[in-house]
Protein backbone atom coordinates (compact mmCIF):
# COMPACT_ATOMS: atom_id res chain seq x y z
CA UNK A 1 0.67 13.09 -5.21
CA UNK A 2 -3.00 12.06 -4.91
CA UNK A 3 -3.76 11.48 -8.58
CA UNK A 4 -7.50 10.87 -8.52
CA UNK A 5 -10.06 13.61 -7.87
CA UNK A 6 -13.84 13.84 -7.65
CA UNK A 7 -15.97 16.91 -7.13
CA UNK A 8 -18.55 16.62 -4.36
CA UNK A 9 -21.98 18.23 -4.26
CA UNK A 10 -24.66 17.27 -1.74
CA UNK A 11 -27.29 17.26 -4.47
CA UNK A 12 -25.40 14.56 -6.43
CA UNK A 13 -24.07 12.48 -3.55
CA UNK A 14 -25.47 9.17 -4.90
CA UNK A 15 -23.38 9.43 -8.09
CA UNK A 16 -20.38 10.54 -6.03
CA UNK A 17 -20.51 7.56 -3.64
CA UNK A 18 -21.00 5.16 -6.54
CA UNK A 19 -17.83 6.46 -8.20
CA UNK A 20 -15.71 6.00 -5.08
CA UNK A 21 -14.00 2.57 -4.77
CA UNK A 22 -14.63 0.41 -1.72
CA UNK A 23 -10.88 -0.17 -1.31
CA UNK A 24 -7.97 0.97 0.87
CA UNK A 25 -6.79 4.49 0.10
CA UNK A 26 -5.29 7.70 1.38
CA UNK A 27 -7.61 10.64 0.83
CA UNK A 28 -7.94 14.38 1.25
CA UNK A 29 -11.17 16.37 1.48
CA UNK A 30 -10.95 20.00 0.44
CA UNK A 31 -13.42 22.75 1.20
CA UNK A 32 -13.53 26.37 0.18
CA UNK A 33 -10.28 28.22 -0.47
CA UNK A 34 -8.42 28.89 2.76
CA UNK A 35 -10.08 26.16 4.78
CA UNK A 36 -8.06 23.37 6.38
CA UNK A 37 -8.23 20.07 4.48
CA UNK A 38 -9.15 16.76 6.08
CA UNK A 39 -6.46 14.08 5.49
CA UNK A 40 -6.63 10.44 6.50
CA UNK A 41 -6.21 6.83 5.38
CA UNK A 42 -8.82 4.10 5.40
CA UNK A 43 -9.31 0.42 4.63
CA UNK A 44 -12.55 1.18 2.76
CA UNK A 45 -12.80 4.59 1.11
CA UNK A 46 -16.49 4.41 0.18
CA UNK A 47 -17.57 3.37 3.66
CA UNK A 48 -15.47 6.12 5.25
CA UNK A 49 -16.87 8.82 2.98
CA UNK A 50 -20.42 7.63 3.54
CA UNK A 51 -19.84 8.23 7.22
CA UNK A 52 -18.29 11.66 6.70
CA UNK A 53 -20.40 13.07 3.85
CA UNK A 54 -23.87 11.49 4.17
CA UNK A 55 -26.74 13.59 5.53
CA UNK A 56 -26.31 13.96 9.29
CA UNK A 57 -28.77 12.16 11.53
CA UNK A 58 -30.67 14.39 14.01
CA UNK A 59 -28.94 14.45 17.37
CA UNK A 60 -25.82 12.64 16.08
CA UNK A 61 -22.46 13.80 17.45
CA UNK A 62 -20.43 12.04 14.73
CA UNK A 63 -18.12 14.21 12.63
CA UNK A 64 -19.92 15.33 9.48
CA UNK A 65 -18.30 17.35 6.70
CA UNK A 66 -21.15 17.34 4.18
CA UNK A 67 -21.62 21.09 4.16
CA UNK A 68 -17.89 21.92 4.04
CA UNK A 69 -16.39 19.67 1.36
CA UNK A 70 -16.31 20.40 -2.36
CA UNK A 71 -13.59 18.05 -3.65
CA UNK A 72 -12.07 14.64 -2.95
CA UNK A 73 -8.46 13.71 -3.78
CA UNK A 74 -7.32 10.13 -3.20
CA UNK A 75 -4.81 7.44 -4.10
CA UNK A 76 -5.46 3.70 -3.79
CA UNK A 77 -3.03 1.80 -1.57
CA UNK A 78 -2.18 -1.88 -1.81
CA UNK A 79 -0.87 -2.20 1.75
CA UNK A 80 -0.73 -0.48 5.09
CA UNK A 81 2.96 0.24 4.46
CA UNK A 82 2.14 2.11 1.24
CA UNK A 83 -0.77 4.01 2.76
CA UNK A 84 1.43 5.07 5.69
CA UNK A 85 4.07 6.49 3.34
CA UNK A 86 1.41 8.26 1.25
CA UNK A 87 -0.14 9.74 4.37
CA UNK A 88 3.27 10.97 5.53
CA UNK A 89 3.93 12.64 2.17
CA UNK A 90 0.53 14.36 2.04
CA UNK A 91 0.69 15.56 5.65
CA UNK A 92 4.18 17.02 5.11
CA UNK A 93 2.82 19.00 2.16
CA UNK A 94 -0.43 20.17 3.75
CA UNK A 95 0.73 20.71 7.36
CA UNK A 96 4.48 21.49 7.26
CA UNK A 97 4.48 22.86 10.81
CA UNK A 98 2.46 20.15 12.56
CA UNK A 99 2.70 16.92 10.53
CA UNK A 100 5.17 15.28 12.94
CA UNK A 101 2.75 15.62 15.85
CA UNK A 102 -0.09 14.21 13.77
CA UNK A 103 1.91 11.10 12.83
CA UNK A 104 3.31 10.39 16.33
CA UNK A 105 6.23 8.33 15.09
CA UNK A 106 8.89 7.48 17.65
CA UNK A 107 12.44 8.28 16.50
CA UNK A 108 14.64 5.33 15.63
CA UNK A 109 17.45 4.68 18.17
CA UNK A 110 20.90 4.80 16.55
CA UNK A 111 24.49 4.24 17.59
CA UNK A 112 26.50 7.37 16.84
CA UNK A 113 30.25 7.01 16.41
CA UNK A 114 31.58 10.50 17.10
CA UNK A 115 34.68 11.01 14.97
CA UNK A 116 34.81 14.81 15.19
CA UNK A 117 36.35 14.52 18.66
CA UNK A 118 40.11 14.15 18.98
CA UNK A 119 39.40 11.00 21.00
CA UNK A 120 36.38 9.39 19.30
CA UNK A 121 33.69 7.59 21.27
CA UNK A 122 30.35 5.89 20.60
CA UNK A 123 26.97 6.70 22.10
CA UNK A 124 23.26 6.02 21.57
CA UNK A 125 21.05 8.77 20.17
CA UNK A 126 17.65 9.36 18.61
CA UNK A 127 18.84 12.45 16.73
CA UNK A 128 20.53 12.27 13.36
CA UNK A 129 22.33 15.56 12.83
CA UNK A 130 23.75 14.98 9.35
CA UNK A 131 25.07 12.20 7.13
CA UNK A 132 27.65 14.53 5.59
CA UNK A 133 29.74 15.07 8.71
CA UNK A 134 32.47 12.84 10.09
CA UNK A 135 30.23 11.11 12.62
CA UNK A 136 28.81 7.74 11.56
CA UNK A 137 25.36 6.43 12.50
CA UNK A 138 24.28 2.78 12.79
CA UNK A 139 20.75 1.44 13.14
CA UNK A 140 17.83 1.42 13.36
CA UNK A 141 17.44 -0.51 16.63
CA UNK A 142 14.00 -1.52 17.98
CA UNK A 143 14.42 0.45 21.21
CA UNK A 144 16.97 2.57 23.00
CA UNK A 145 17.56 -0.17 25.56
CA UNK A 146 18.44 -2.61 22.77
CA UNK A 147 20.91 -0.15 21.23
CA UNK A 148 22.54 0.54 24.61
CA UNK A 149 22.81 -3.17 25.41
CA UNK A 150 24.46 -3.90 22.05
CA UNK A 151 26.88 -0.98 22.31
CA UNK A 152 27.86 -1.83 25.89
CA UNK A 153 28.48 -5.49 25.02
CA UNK A 154 30.37 -4.58 21.84
CA UNK A 155 32.69 -2.11 23.59
CA UNK A 156 33.70 -4.86 26.04
CA UNK A 157 35.83 -6.26 23.19
CA UNK A 158 37.71 -2.98 22.73
CA UNK A 159 39.49 -0.34 24.77
CA UNK A 160 37.68 2.71 23.44
CA UNK A 161 36.78 5.33 26.02
CA UNK A 162 33.21 5.41 27.34
CA UNK A 163 33.25 8.78 29.11
CA UNK A 164 31.41 11.72 27.53
CA UNK A 165 33.86 14.45 28.55
CA UNK A 166 36.00 16.55 26.24
CA UNK A 167 39.40 15.23 27.22
CA UNK A 168 42.43 17.35 28.10
CA UNK A 169 45.03 14.63 28.75
CA UNK A 170 46.87 15.17 32.02
CA UNK A 171 49.23 12.61 33.61
CA UNK A 172 47.98 13.74 37.02
CA UNK A 173 44.38 12.73 36.25
CA UNK A 174 43.39 9.64 38.31
CA UNK A 175 41.42 7.94 35.52
CA UNK A 176 38.21 5.90 35.93
CA UNK A 177 37.13 2.37 36.69
CA UNK A 178 37.48 1.31 33.05
CA UNK A 179 41.15 2.28 33.01
CA UNK A 180 41.63 0.52 36.35
CA UNK A 181 40.15 -2.66 34.80
CA UNK A 182 42.34 -2.27 31.68
CA UNK A 183 39.17 -1.84 29.55
CA UNK A 184 40.18 1.59 28.25
CA UNK A 185 43.39 2.95 26.75
CA UNK A 186 43.01 5.88 29.15
CA UNK A 187 43.83 8.84 26.93
CA UNK A 188 42.62 11.05 29.80
CA UNK A 189 45.96 10.64 31.63
CA UNK A 190 48.07 9.83 28.56
CA UNK A 191 47.85 6.10 29.07
CA UNK A 192 48.34 5.68 25.32
CA UNK A 193 49.73 7.57 22.37
CA UNK A 194 47.53 9.26 19.80
CA UNK A 195 48.50 6.64 17.21
CA UNK A 196 47.45 3.79 19.52
CA UNK A 197 44.06 5.38 20.12
CA UNK A 198 43.55 5.93 16.39
CA UNK A 199 44.30 2.27 15.72
CA UNK A 200 41.71 1.24 18.30
CA UNK A 201 39.24 3.70 16.76
CA UNK A 202 39.77 2.06 13.37
CA UNK A 203 39.13 -1.40 14.85
CA UNK A 204 35.84 -0.22 16.38
CA UNK A 205 34.72 1.41 13.13
CA UNK A 206 35.55 -1.77 11.18
CA UNK A 207 33.53 -3.76 13.73
CA UNK A 208 30.48 -1.52 13.32
CA UNK A 209 30.81 -1.30 9.53
CA UNK A 210 30.92 -5.10 9.14
CA UNK A 211 28.40 -6.03 11.87
CA UNK A 212 31.20 -7.67 13.87
CA UNK A 213 32.73 -9.73 11.06
CA UNK A 214 36.09 -7.94 11.23
CA UNK A 215 36.59 -8.83 14.91
CA UNK A 216 35.29 -12.35 14.34
CA UNK A 217 37.93 -12.92 11.67
CA UNK A 218 40.62 -11.38 13.86
CA UNK A 219 39.87 -13.53 16.91
CA UNK A 220 39.47 -16.68 14.79
CA UNK A 221 42.89 -16.13 13.19
CA UNK A 222 44.54 -15.60 16.58
CA UNK A 223 42.87 -18.72 17.98
CA UNK A 224 44.05 -20.81 15.04
CA UNK A 225 47.59 -19.48 15.39
CA UNK A 226 47.64 -20.28 19.10
CA UNK A 227 46.34 -23.76 18.44
CA UNK A 228 48.97 -24.37 15.74
CA UNK A 229 51.67 -23.22 18.18
CA UNK A 230 50.34 -25.68 20.82
CA UNK A 231 49.36 -22.78 23.12
CA UNK A 232 46.20 -24.54 24.18
CA UNK A 233 45.30 -22.35 27.16
CA UNK A 234 45.53 -19.23 25.01
CA UNK A 235 43.56 -20.94 22.24
CA UNK A 236 40.83 -21.94 24.73
CA UNK A 237 40.58 -18.36 26.02
CA UNK A 238 40.30 -17.01 22.47
CA UNK A 239 37.65 -19.63 21.68
CA UNK A 240 35.61 -18.52 24.72
CA UNK A 241 36.00 -14.90 23.54
CA UNK A 242 34.78 -15.91 20.09
CA UNK A 243 31.71 -17.63 21.56
CA UNK A 244 30.91 -14.53 23.62
CA UNK A 245 31.23 -12.39 20.47
CA UNK A 246 28.96 -14.75 18.51
CA UNK A 247 26.34 -14.43 21.25
CA UNK A 248 26.44 -10.64 21.01
CA UNK A 249 26.20 -10.64 17.20
CA UNK A 250 23.34 -13.17 17.21
CA UNK A 251 21.18 -10.53 18.92
CA UNK A 252 22.00 -7.84 16.36
CA UNK A 253 18.94 -7.17 14.14
CA UNK A 254 19.48 -7.80 10.44
CA UNK A 255 18.48 -4.27 9.42
CA UNK A 256 21.15 -2.57 11.55
CA UNK A 257 23.67 -0.98 9.16
CA UNK A 258 25.62 2.20 8.75
CA UNK A 259 22.83 4.58 7.77
CA UNK A 260 24.58 6.12 4.78
CA UNK A 261 25.04 2.56 3.43
CA UNK A 262 21.57 1.27 4.31
CA UNK A 263 20.08 0.14 1.00
CA UNK A 264 17.66 -2.48 -0.24
CA UNK A 265 14.10 -3.06 -1.40
CA UNK A 266 10.81 -3.44 0.48
CA UNK A 267 8.22 -5.52 -1.40
CA UNK A 268 4.54 -4.80 -0.77
CA UNK A 269 1.21 -5.81 -2.36
CA UNK A 270 0.00 -3.39 -5.00
CA UNK A 271 -3.43 -1.86 -5.58
CA UNK A 272 -2.87 -2.52 -9.30
CA UNK A 273 -3.67 -6.01 -10.68
CA UNK A 274 -0.79 -8.42 -11.43
CA UNK A 275 1.76 -6.13 -9.81
CA UNK A 276 3.68 -5.63 -6.61
CA UNK A 277 4.83 -2.31 -5.17
CA UNK A 278 8.55 -1.84 -4.55
CA UNK A 279 10.09 0.72 -2.21
CA UNK A 280 13.79 1.28 -2.73
CA UNK A 281 15.80 2.10 0.41
CA UNK A 282 18.46 4.74 -0.22
CA UNK A 283 20.63 5.70 2.77
CA UNK A 284 17.71 5.10 5.13
CA UNK A 285 15.11 6.91 2.98
CA UNK A 286 12.28 5.32 1.03
CA UNK A 287 11.79 5.86 -2.71
CA UNK A 288 8.49 4.59 -4.05
CA UNK A 289 6.06 3.06 -4.62
CA UNK A 290 7.50 1.58 -7.82
CA UNK A 291 4.95 -0.57 -9.63
CA UNK A 292 6.51 -3.82 -10.86
CA UNK A 293 4.40 -5.97 -13.24
CA UNK A 294 4.78 -9.72 -12.95
CA UNK A 295 3.75 -10.28 -16.56
CA UNK A 296 6.39 -9.39 -19.13
CA UNK A 297 4.97 -7.53 -22.13
CA UNK A 298 7.29 -7.66 -25.10
CA UNK A 299 7.57 -4.47 -27.14
CA UNK A 300 7.98 -6.42 -30.37
CA UNK A 301 5.42 -8.85 -31.82
CA UNK A 302 6.68 -12.40 -31.96
CA UNK A 303 9.57 -11.67 -29.57
CA UNK A 304 8.42 -14.11 -26.90
CA UNK A 305 11.70 -16.00 -27.13
CA UNK A 306 13.60 -12.82 -26.18
CA UNK A 307 11.88 -12.26 -22.87
CA UNK A 308 14.08 -10.89 -20.11
CA UNK A 309 14.59 -12.82 -16.91
CA UNK A 310 12.77 -11.58 -13.84
CA UNK A 311 16.07 -10.45 -12.32
CA UNK A 312 16.94 -8.39 -15.40
CA UNK A 313 13.52 -6.72 -15.41
CA UNK A 314 13.88 -5.94 -11.73
CA UNK A 315 17.24 -4.27 -12.26
CA UNK A 316 15.89 -2.30 -15.22
CA UNK A 317 12.84 -1.16 -13.25
CA UNK A 318 14.90 -0.02 -10.27
CA UNK A 319 17.52 1.65 -12.48
CA UNK A 320 14.83 3.65 -14.28
CA UNK A 321 13.72 5.31 -11.03
CA UNK A 322 15.43 8.64 -10.35
CA UNK A 323 17.43 8.62 -7.11
CA UNK A 324 16.16 10.70 -4.23
CA UNK A 325 17.33 14.30 -4.09
CA UNK A 326 19.35 15.41 -1.05
CA UNK A 327 17.12 16.18 1.90
CA UNK A 328 17.50 17.46 5.46
CA UNK A 329 18.56 14.98 8.12
CA UNK A 330 15.13 15.36 9.71
CA UNK A 331 13.49 13.70 6.71
CA UNK A 332 15.92 10.78 6.88
CA UNK A 333 15.21 10.41 10.58
CA UNK A 334 11.44 10.41 10.00
CA UNK A 335 11.59 7.76 7.31
CA UNK A 336 13.96 5.65 9.40
CA UNK A 337 11.39 5.85 12.19
CA UNK A 338 8.69 4.60 9.81
CA UNK A 339 10.89 1.80 8.45
CA UNK A 340 11.82 0.79 12.00
CA UNK A 341 8.20 0.67 13.12
CA UNK A 342 7.25 -1.61 10.21
CA UNK A 343 10.34 -3.84 10.37
CA UNK A 344 10.03 -4.68 14.07
CA UNK A 345 6.32 -5.53 14.00
CA UNK A 346 5.59 -9.09 15.10
CA UNK A 347 3.16 -9.51 12.22
CA UNK A 348 3.61 -7.43 9.08
CA UNK A 349 2.75 -7.47 5.38
CA UNK A 350 5.57 -7.51 2.84
CA UNK A 351 9.23 -8.40 2.93
CA UNK A 352 12.55 -6.57 2.97
CA UNK A 353 15.74 -7.44 1.10
CA UNK A 354 18.91 -5.56 2.01
CA UNK A 355 21.83 -4.84 -0.29
CA UNK A 356 25.32 -6.08 0.51
CA UNK A 357 28.41 -3.96 1.14
CA UNK A 358 28.80 -3.48 -2.63
CA UNK A 359 25.18 -2.26 -2.87
CA UNK A 360 24.17 -5.46 -4.72
CA UNK A 361 20.71 -6.90 -4.12
CA UNK A 362 20.13 -10.61 -3.43
CA UNK A 363 18.20 -11.02 -6.69
CA UNK A 364 17.27 -14.69 -6.39
CA UNK A 365 15.81 -14.20 -2.92
CA UNK A 366 14.13 -10.97 -4.05
CA UNK A 367 12.35 -12.73 -6.93
CA UNK A 368 11.10 -15.48 -4.61
CA UNK A 369 9.97 -12.83 -2.14
CA UNK A 370 7.99 -11.04 -4.84
CA UNK A 371 6.20 -14.31 -5.57
CA UNK A 372 5.33 -14.81 -1.88
CA UNK A 373 4.08 -11.24 -1.45
CA UNK A 374 1.94 -11.49 -4.59
CA UNK A 375 0.38 -14.72 -3.35
CA UNK A 376 -0.07 -13.37 0.18
CA UNK A 377 2.22 -16.00 1.68
CA UNK A 378 4.43 -15.50 4.72
CA UNK A 379 8.21 -15.69 4.27
CA UNK A 380 9.83 -19.03 5.07
CA UNK A 381 11.59 -19.14 8.42
CA UNK A 382 14.96 -19.80 6.84
CA UNK A 383 14.65 -16.66 4.70
CA UNK A 384 14.25 -14.29 7.64
CA UNK A 385 16.91 -11.58 7.62
CA UNK A 386 19.83 -12.11 10.00
CA UNK A 387 22.71 -9.86 10.94
CA UNK A 388 24.91 -11.36 8.26
CA UNK A 389 22.52 -12.19 5.40
CA UNK A 390 23.59 -9.14 3.42
CA UNK A 391 27.10 -10.54 2.99
CA UNK A 392 25.84 -13.60 1.16
CA UNK A 393 26.62 -13.79 -2.54
CA UNK A 394 23.49 -12.73 -4.46
CA UNK A 395 24.06 -15.81 -6.64
CA UNK A 396 23.57 -16.52 -10.30
CA UNK A 397 20.50 -15.52 -12.27
CA UNK A 398 17.50 -17.84 -12.42
CA UNK A 399 14.65 -17.92 -14.91
CA UNK A 400 11.16 -17.89 -13.40
CA UNK A 401 7.84 -18.00 -15.21
CA UNK A 402 5.58 -15.09 -14.16
CA UNK A 403 2.58 -17.36 -14.67
CA UNK A 404 3.80 -19.42 -11.72
CA UNK A 405 3.14 -16.43 -9.46
CA UNK A 406 -0.59 -16.75 -9.91
CA UNK A 407 -2.29 -18.22 -6.87
């Protein structure tokens, strides 16, 4: 996990500090058997250890571990994203009971579509119970208020119930304001049949699964039919409905997906020369770092003419990585929280590229993103993820010269 180790002795501290790199890293300081380790991340490992392990100054109240540490374990990190994931992994191993409190990550708000109920409904939650049940989860949203605003606006286009009660349909029940306004099928007083409610449930699920595209196509087709039939008032009303829908979808963050289908790649700078670090997203969890070299090294002498394209090497590199083993829902929720915190930062290092509904990566954009991350450039404004980018065709393969990636 932390592959590099150095033994520490106060009598040989000069050699120790000289051997430590002055670079970003995640590190762990161990003392005698049974003592609690010290775990942290830093932008300059040598400077941090000089502060912690140098001889204490008389009267100083600064933390000093010189007399307690006997070994250093560390791993270089090429970015804050990578160091955060390394820190999370080490803390989970060393402090299984308290690591969550040490990290202080805020859970990612999600929309939960509750399908276990006889009359399904949607709600906002920060708890992911399981991805193996019937309920579906969509997110991550930047904040609970954003998730609630989206869900409320989205349900205005449907007649799904919004109450949280376990329904026992009774014709004598008076109903609620949504049924009075014809915004709910009112299963509470048998205002609809079970088949009608299931059809509406399917429409809502299709809307959430496709980020609104299913409803957009439906309304567009009805508008065009009304226009062809010279029903201009109806066509105008459907056009206004379509504009309202487009306004709602324009505010939907590009990363919001069904969690069990949330896949893609995060590209980050690497601590290794001439490489970038890739993190594969698998159902909301992060698998990496995966070191991807920009220079292609042929296995056979004189085989320069048989070099693979960058896209082919990317696919081979990602395919060679073992998929993540099943894990508790808590781990998925924690990594979603970390991904959410990074994604919604105003200024962040690295780029993200999400897979489409067939789990295909946008390879041409991914290759260009790797070049930008390696050079330290910011992504172009037109390449920023939108709610519908992942439905774009990944496009044909392109040949790029790795030498062009050099700054």
